[in-house]
Amino acid sequence: MDSPKVSVILSLYRAERFLRRYLENVLEQTLCDRLELSIVHNDPTESERAILDGFASRISMVRCEVPRENL
């Protein structure tokens, strides 16, 4: 029997300061091989994109970039 996948929804806006450590923490989880990040990225910066690109080969992620939205 296959293990279930775990989906994590992550909404980002100006998160560069925290993003690298967050993704490193995801890699440290025992579920990492079954985890998928669904990222809604509000008005991403180039540096935030670069950080996510650097982890893309190690973490399963689906990215959706959107213009700045209010809640």
Protein backbone atom coordinates (compact mmCIF):
# COMPACT_ATOMS: atom_id res chain seq x y z
CA MET A 1 0.00 0.00 0.00
CA ASP A 2 1.35 3.40 -0.96
CA SER A 3 1.81 5.98 1.75
CA PRO A 4 -0.48 8.98 1.44
CA LYS A 5 0.88 12.26 0.12
CA VAL A 6 0.93 15.30 2.33
CA SER A 7 0.02 18.63 0.75
CA VAL A 8 1.08 21.91 2.30
CA ILE A 9 -0.38 25.18 1.06
CA LEU A 10 1.96 28.11 1.48
CA SER A 11 1.01 31.71 0.77
CA LEU A 12 3.99 34.01 0.30
CA TYR A 13 4.42 37.75 0.22
CA ARG A 14 7.81 39.37 0.83
CA ALA A 15 9.06 36.23 2.58
CA GLU A 16 12.68 36.26 1.43
CA ARG A 17 13.98 36.66 4.98
CA PHE A 18 12.30 33.41 6.12
CA LEU A 19 12.01 31.37 2.95
CA ARG A 20 15.38 29.58 2.83
CA ARG A 21 15.10 28.36 6.45
CA TYR A 22 11.50 27.29 5.90
CA LEU A 23 12.49 25.15 2.91
CA GLU A 24 15.48 23.70 4.77
CA ASN A 25 13.08 22.73 7.55
CA VAL A 26 10.81 20.99 5.02
CA LEU A 27 13.79 18.89 3.90
CA GLU A 28 14.43 17.87 7.51
CA GLN A 29 10.94 16.40 7.92
CA THR A 30 10.54 12.64 7.91
CA LEU A 31 7.66 13.07 5.43
CA CYS A 32 9.74 15.03 2.93
CA ASP A 33 9.59 12.30 0.28
CA ARG A 34 5.75 12.35 0.43
CA LEU A 35 5.33 16.11 0.76
CA GLU A 36 4.16 18.51 -1.92
CA LEU A 37 4.21 22.28 -1.46
CA SER A 38 1.49 24.27 -3.19
CA ILE A 39 2.78 27.84 -3.22
CA VAL A 40 0.66 30.91 -3.93
CA HIS A 41 3.25 33.61 -4.42
CA ASN A 42 1.99 37.18 -4.22
CA ASP A 43 4.09 39.65 -6.23
CA PRO A 44 7.33 37.60 -6.01
CA THR A 45 10.75 39.22 -6.07
CA GLU A 46 13.60 37.87 -8.19
CA SER A 47 15.48 36.79 -5.07
CA GLU A 48 12.46 34.84 -3.79
CA ARG A 49 12.16 33.12 -7.17
CA ALA A 50 15.87 32.25 -7.04
CA ILE A 51 15.52 30.69 -3.59
CA LEU A 52 12.58 28.56 -4.72
CA ASP A 53 14.44 27.57 -7.90
CA GLY A 54 17.35 26.41 -5.74
CA PHE A 55 15.11 23.97 -3.86
CA ALA A 56 12.94 22.85 -6.80
CA SER A 57 14.97 19.71 -7.49
CA ARG A 58 14.74 18.55 -3.86
CA ILE A 59 11.15 19.44 -2.91
CA SER A 60 8.04 18.69 -4.91
CA MET A 61 6.33 22.03 -5.43
CA VAL A 62 3.61 23.61 -7.49
CA ARG A 63 4.00 27.37 -7.84
CA CYS A 64 1.38 29.93 -8.75
CA GLU A 65 2.51 33.52 -9.07
CA VAL A 66 -0.19 36.17 -8.69
CA PRO A 67 -0.11 39.98 -8.64
CA ARG A 68 -0.37 41.61 -5.24
CA GLU A 69 -3.77 40.82 -3.75
CA ASN A 70 -5.43 42.12 -0.64
CA LEU A 71 -7.08 39.67 1.70
